N, C-alpha and C. Protein backbone atom coordinates (compact mmCIF):
# COMPACT_ATOMS: atom_id res chain seq x y z
N UNK A 1 115.15 89.73 84.97
CA UNK A 1 114.10 88.80 84.42
C UNK A 1 113.70 88.77 82.70
N UNK A 2 114.04 88.16 81.41
CA UNK A 2 114.40 88.44 79.98
C UNK A 2 112.41 89.12 79.64
N UNK A 3 112.32 90.30 79.65
CA UNK A 3 111.14 90.46 78.76
C UNK A 3 111.48 90.45 77.05
N UNK A 4 109.51 90.53 76.43
CA UNK A 4 109.43 90.44 74.73
C UNK A 4 108.32 91.40 75.40
N UNK A 5 108.09 92.63 74.03
CA UNK A 5 106.90 92.95 73.83
C UNK A 5 106.15 92.51 73.30
N UNK A 6 104.87 92.45 73.41
CA UNK A 6 103.92 91.86 72.72
C UNK A 6 104.25 92.14 70.99
N UNK A 7 105.02 93.00 70.75
CA UNK A 7 104.64 93.48 68.93
C UNK A 7 105.70 92.55 68.46
N UNK A 8 107.43 92.28 69.34
CA UNK A 8 108.48 91.39 69.30
C UNK A 8 108.03 90.40 69.32
N UNK A 9 107.47 89.42 70.54
CA UNK A 9 106.47 88.09 70.60
C UNK A 9 106.14 88.07 68.94
N UNK A 10 105.04 89.06 68.15
CA UNK A 10 104.10 88.59 66.90
C UNK A 10 105.41 88.42 65.63
N UNK A 11 106.46 89.79 66.24
CA UNK A 11 106.44 89.45 64.90
C UNK A 11 108.36 88.20 64.96
N UNK A 12 108.13 87.59 65.83
CA UNK A 12 108.80 86.32 65.87
C UNK A 12 107.84 84.90 65.53
N UNK A 13 106.39 85.30 65.38
CA UNK A 13 105.66 84.22 64.81
C UNK A 13 105.16 84.52 63.82
N UNK A 14 105.23 86.16 62.59
CA UNK A 14 105.15 85.99 61.81
C UNK A 14 106.18 84.87 61.09
N UNK A 15 107.47 85.34 61.57
CA UNK A 15 109.07 85.17 60.80
C UNK A 15 108.85 83.76 60.93
N UNK A 16 107.70 82.71 61.59
CA UNK A 16 107.50 81.38 61.62
C UNK A 16 108.45 80.60 61.97
N UNK A 17 109.17 81.38 63.62
CA UNK A 17 110.38 80.64 64.64
C UNK A 17 109.32 79.88 65.18
N UNK A 18 109.35 78.95 65.78
CA UNK A 18 108.96 77.64 66.55
C UNK A 18 109.19 78.96 67.90
N UNK A 19 108.15 79.21 68.75
CA UNK A 19 107.69 79.42 70.12
C UNK A 19 107.03 78.35 70.81
N UNK A 20 107.39 78.57 72.23
CA UNK A 20 106.41 77.99 72.77
C UNK A 20 106.22 79.41 74.24
N UNK A 21 104.93 78.87 73.95
CA UNK A 21 103.77 80.22 74.10
C UNK A 21 103.08 79.07 75.43
N UNK A 22 103.02 80.05 76.99
CA UNK A 22 101.98 79.33 77.84
C UNK A 22 100.91 80.74 78.09
N UNK A 23 99.74 80.62 78.16
CA UNK A 23 98.91 81.40 78.91
C UNK A 23 98.64 80.80 79.94
N UNK A 24 98.89 81.96 80.93
CA UNK A 24 98.34 81.99 82.54
C UNK A 24 97.12 82.47 82.97
N UNK A 25 96.32 83.09 82.12
CA UNK A 25 95.00 83.74 82.65
C UNK A 25 94.25 82.67 82.63
N UNK A 26 93.51 82.75 83.40
CA UNK A 26 92.39 81.75 84.31
C UNK A 26 91.32 81.17 82.43
N UNK A 27 90.33 80.34 82.93
CA UNK A 27 89.63 80.09 81.60
C UNK A 27 89.26 80.72 80.80
N UNK A 28 87.97 81.67 81.97
CA UNK A 28 86.93 82.01 81.14
C UNK A 28 87.99 83.67 80.49
N UNK A 29 89.16 83.93 80.86
CA UNK A 29 89.51 85.04 79.94
C UNK A 29 90.35 84.52 78.53
N UNK A 30 90.68 83.12 78.06
CA UNK A 30 91.39 81.97 77.32
C UNK A 30 90.25 82.17 76.70
N UNK A 31 89.03 81.97 76.88
CA UNK A 31 87.94 81.92 76.51
C UNK A 31 87.52 83.47 74.94
N UNK A 32 88.27 84.32 75.43
CA UNK A 32 87.74 85.63 74.55
C UNK A 32 89.31 84.82 73.44
N UNK A 33 89.32 84.14 73.47
CA UNK A 33 90.94 84.18 72.18
C UNK A 33 92.42 84.48 73.13
N UNK A 34 93.15 83.85 72.93
CA UNK A 34 94.36 83.44 73.14
C UNK A 34 95.66 83.45 71.82
N UNK A 35 96.75 83.67 71.80
CA UNK A 35 97.76 83.49 70.49
C UNK A 35 97.52 82.26 70.24
N UNK A 36 97.57 82.11 69.40
CA UNK A 36 97.49 81.18 67.58
C UNK A 36 98.66 79.97 68.56
N UNK A 37 98.87 78.55 68.93
CA UNK A 37 99.81 77.43 69.50
C UNK A 37 100.08 77.68 70.95
N UNK A 38 99.46 78.78 71.51
CA UNK A 38 99.68 79.10 73.04
C UNK A 38 99.21 77.93 73.98
N UNK A 39 99.70 76.98 74.49
CA UNK A 39 99.53 76.28 76.02
C UNK A 39 98.84 76.79 76.94
N UNK A 40 97.97 76.66 76.99
CA UNK A 40 96.80 77.39 78.30
C UNK A 40 97.19 76.62 79.82
N UNK A 41 98.36 76.91 80.31
CA UNK A 41 98.13 76.62 82.24
C UNK A 41 97.30 77.73 83.04
N UNK A 42 96.78 78.01 83.87
CA UNK A 42 96.16 78.90 84.16
C UNK A 42 97.77 79.06 85.63
N UNK A 43 98.16 79.83 85.71
CA UNK A 43 98.88 80.39 86.91
C UNK A 43 98.18 79.85 87.96
N UNK A 44 97.51 79.79 88.86
CA UNK A 44 97.42 78.68 90.10
C UNK A 44 97.35 76.98 89.40
N UNK A 45 97.70 76.80 88.14
CA UNK A 45 97.53 75.03 87.67
C UNK A 45 99.34 75.12 87.85
N UNK A 46 100.19 76.26 87.55
CA UNK A 46 101.58 76.00 86.80
C UNK A 46 102.17 75.40 87.88
N UNK A 47 102.49 75.49 88.94
CA UNK A 47 102.92 74.34 89.87
C UNK A 47 103.14 73.00 89.52
N UNK A 48 101.96 72.56 89.63
CA UNK A 48 101.33 71.40 88.87
C UNK A 48 101.31 70.49 88.07
N UNK A 49 101.55 71.49 86.91
CA UNK A 49 101.65 71.10 85.71
C UNK A 49 103.20 71.43 85.03
N UNK A 50 103.99 71.46 86.01
CA UNK A 50 105.56 72.25 85.53
C UNK A 50 105.89 70.72 85.17
N UNK A 51 105.58 69.32 85.22
CA UNK A 51 106.39 68.01 84.85
C UNK A 51 106.43 68.43 82.86
N UNK A 52 104.68 69.15 82.75
CA UNK A 52 105.16 68.75 81.34
C UNK A 52 105.93 69.02 80.39
N UNK A 53 106.65 70.38 80.99
CA UNK A 53 107.31 71.43 80.45
C UNK A 53 108.55 70.63 80.41
N UNK A 54 109.57 71.12 79.47
CA UNK A 54 110.88 70.58 79.08
C UNK A 54 111.89 72.11 79.46
N UNK A 55 112.85 71.45 79.83
CA UNK A 55 113.89 72.31 80.68
C UNK A 55 115.10 72.88 79.65
N UNK A 56 115.03 72.57 78.44
CA UNK A 56 115.28 72.31 77.44
C UNK A 56 115.21 73.37 76.28
N UNK A 57 113.78 73.90 76.47
CA UNK A 57 113.09 74.84 75.78
C UNK A 57 112.75 76.47 76.44
N UNK A 58 112.66 77.15 75.38
CA UNK A 58 113.02 78.74 76.22
C UNK A 58 111.02 78.49 76.03
N UNK A 59 110.64 79.56 77.30
CA UNK A 59 108.78 79.08 77.25
C UNK A 59 108.42 81.06 77.05
N UNK A 60 107.24 81.05 76.86
CA UNK A 60 107.50 83.05 76.26
C UNK A 60 105.74 82.81 77.32
N UNK A 61 106.00 83.64 78.89
CA UNK A 61 104.85 83.86 79.71
C UNK A 61 103.65 84.66 79.06
N UNK A 62 102.84 84.72 78.74
CA UNK A 62 101.62 85.75 78.60
C UNK A 62 100.37 85.65 80.04
N UNK A 63 100.16 86.85 79.55
CA UNK A 63 98.35 86.67 80.63
C UNK A 63 97.98 87.79 79.87
N UNK A 64 96.74 88.77 80.71
CA UNK A 64 96.45 89.62 80.61
C UNK A 64 97.07 91.32 80.55
N UNK A 65 98.26 91.28 81.45
CA UNK A 65 98.52 92.54 81.89
C UNK A 65 99.82 92.74 81.99
N UNK A 66 100.70 91.48 81.75
CA UNK A 66 101.82 91.00 82.35
C UNK A 66 102.53 90.67 83.58
N UNK A 67 101.62 91.02 84.22
CA UNK A 67 101.55 90.72 86.36
C UNK A 67 101.91 89.74 86.08
N UNK A 68 100.45 88.86 86.15
CA UNK A 68 100.84 87.07 86.47
C UNK A 68 101.54 86.45 85.62
N UNK A 69 102.23 86.48 84.22
CA UNK A 69 103.21 86.23 83.68
C UNK A 69 104.78 86.80 84.13
N UNK A 70 104.69 87.59 84.87
CA UNK A 70 106.08 88.48 85.11
C UNK A 70 106.38 86.85 86.48
N UNK A 71 105.11 86.13 87.14
CA UNK A 71 104.91 86.12 88.66
C UNK A 71 106.11 84.52 87.97
N UNK A 72 105.29 84.17 87.15
CA UNK A 72 104.92 82.45 86.42
C UNK A 72 106.29 82.98 85.78
N UNK A 73 106.79 83.73 85.39
CA UNK A 73 108.49 83.88 84.47
C UNK A 73 109.43 83.76 86.51
N UNK A 74 109.34 83.68 87.42
CA UNK A 74 109.95 84.16 88.07
C UNK A 74 110.20 82.92 88.76
N UNK A 75 109.02 82.43 89.41
CA UNK A 75 108.62 80.57 89.11
C UNK A 75 109.40 79.95 88.93
N UNK A 76 108.71 80.16 87.83
CA UNK A 76 109.50 79.05 86.71
C UNK A 76 111.17 78.72 86.87
N UNK A 77 111.93 80.64 86.40
CA UNK A 77 112.85 80.50 86.77
C UNK A 77 113.76 79.68 88.03
N UNK A 78 113.27 80.49 89.17
CA UNK A 78 113.98 79.41 90.50
C UNK A 78 114.00 77.85 90.02
N UNK A 79 113.05 77.64 89.23
CA UNK A 79 113.07 75.76 89.06
C UNK A 79 114.15 75.46 87.47
N UNK A 80 115.29 76.91 87.32
CA UNK A 80 116.22 75.99 86.14
C UNK A 80 114.91 76.38 84.67
N UNK A 81 114.32 77.05 84.18
CA UNK A 81 113.44 76.97 83.60
C UNK A 81 114.02 77.94 82.58
N UNK A 82 114.02 77.81 81.21
CA UNK A 82 114.72 80.10 80.29
C UNK A 82 113.16 79.96 79.99
N UNK A 83 112.72 81.22 80.58
CA UNK A 83 111.13 81.98 80.66
C UNK A 83 111.21 83.63 80.07
N UNK A 84 110.59 83.82 79.36
CA UNK A 84 110.78 85.51 79.38
C UNK A 84 109.30 86.17 79.35
N UNK A 85 109.69 87.03 79.79
CA UNK A 85 107.70 87.31 80.30
C UNK A 85 107.64 88.16 78.85
N UNK A 86 105.71 88.17 78.38
CA UNK A 86 105.57 89.14 77.27
C UNK A 86 105.07 90.50 78.79
N UNK A 87 105.18 91.76 78.47
CA UNK A 87 105.49 92.58 78.68
C UNK A 87 103.36 93.07 78.31
N UNK A 88 103.32 93.67 78.80
CA UNK A 88 101.45 94.42 77.73
C UNK A 88 100.37 93.44 77.81
N UNK A 89 100.90 92.08 77.62
CA UNK A 89 100.12 90.97 78.11
C UNK A 89 98.76 91.05 76.60
N UNK A 90 98.39 90.22 76.61
CA UNK A 90 97.45 90.16 76.10
C UNK A 90 95.68 92.09 75.53
N UNK A 91 96.21 92.95 76.31
CA UNK A 91 95.75 93.85 76.45
C UNK A 91 96.70 94.11 75.25
N UNK A 92 97.88 94.27 75.31
CA UNK A 92 98.38 95.05 74.32
C UNK A 92 98.94 94.25 72.61
N UNK A 93 98.11 92.77 72.81
CA UNK A 93 98.12 92.01 71.87
C UNK A 93 97.58 92.32 70.79
N UNK A 94 97.94 92.28 69.41
CA UNK A 94 97.31 92.74 68.05
C UNK A 94 97.22 92.10 66.81
N UNK A 95 98.36 90.65 66.92
CA UNK A 95 98.28 89.75 66.42
C UNK A 95 97.25 88.75 66.02
N UNK A 96 96.96 87.72 65.94
CA UNK A 96 96.13 87.13 65.68
C UNK A 96 95.57 85.54 66.68
N UNK A 97 94.33 85.53 66.92
CA UNK A 97 93.91 84.88 68.32
C UNK A 97 92.88 83.32 68.34
N UNK A 98 93.46 82.42 68.31
CA UNK A 98 92.38 81.50 68.37
C UNK A 98 91.53 81.50 69.55
């Protein structure tokens, strides 16, 4: 499984690279803030919302600590998506949130 640290993702965002970030936390967790531009798809709904994703794009998966996003990464990889897990999750995130 390919992984980025929270700092690596933050650096990519400051370089204004186009990133596709998916936050798999629950609604109440995201209410406290999510990475700017991240798409919110709770882990439990990921299977049902896969059709919204494009297999030609690369996605960075985010959760609170990196565990759920790791499961989401493995799940999407099994369906042929290009996915990267952000280790440490939002607990390690020091960048801007919306």
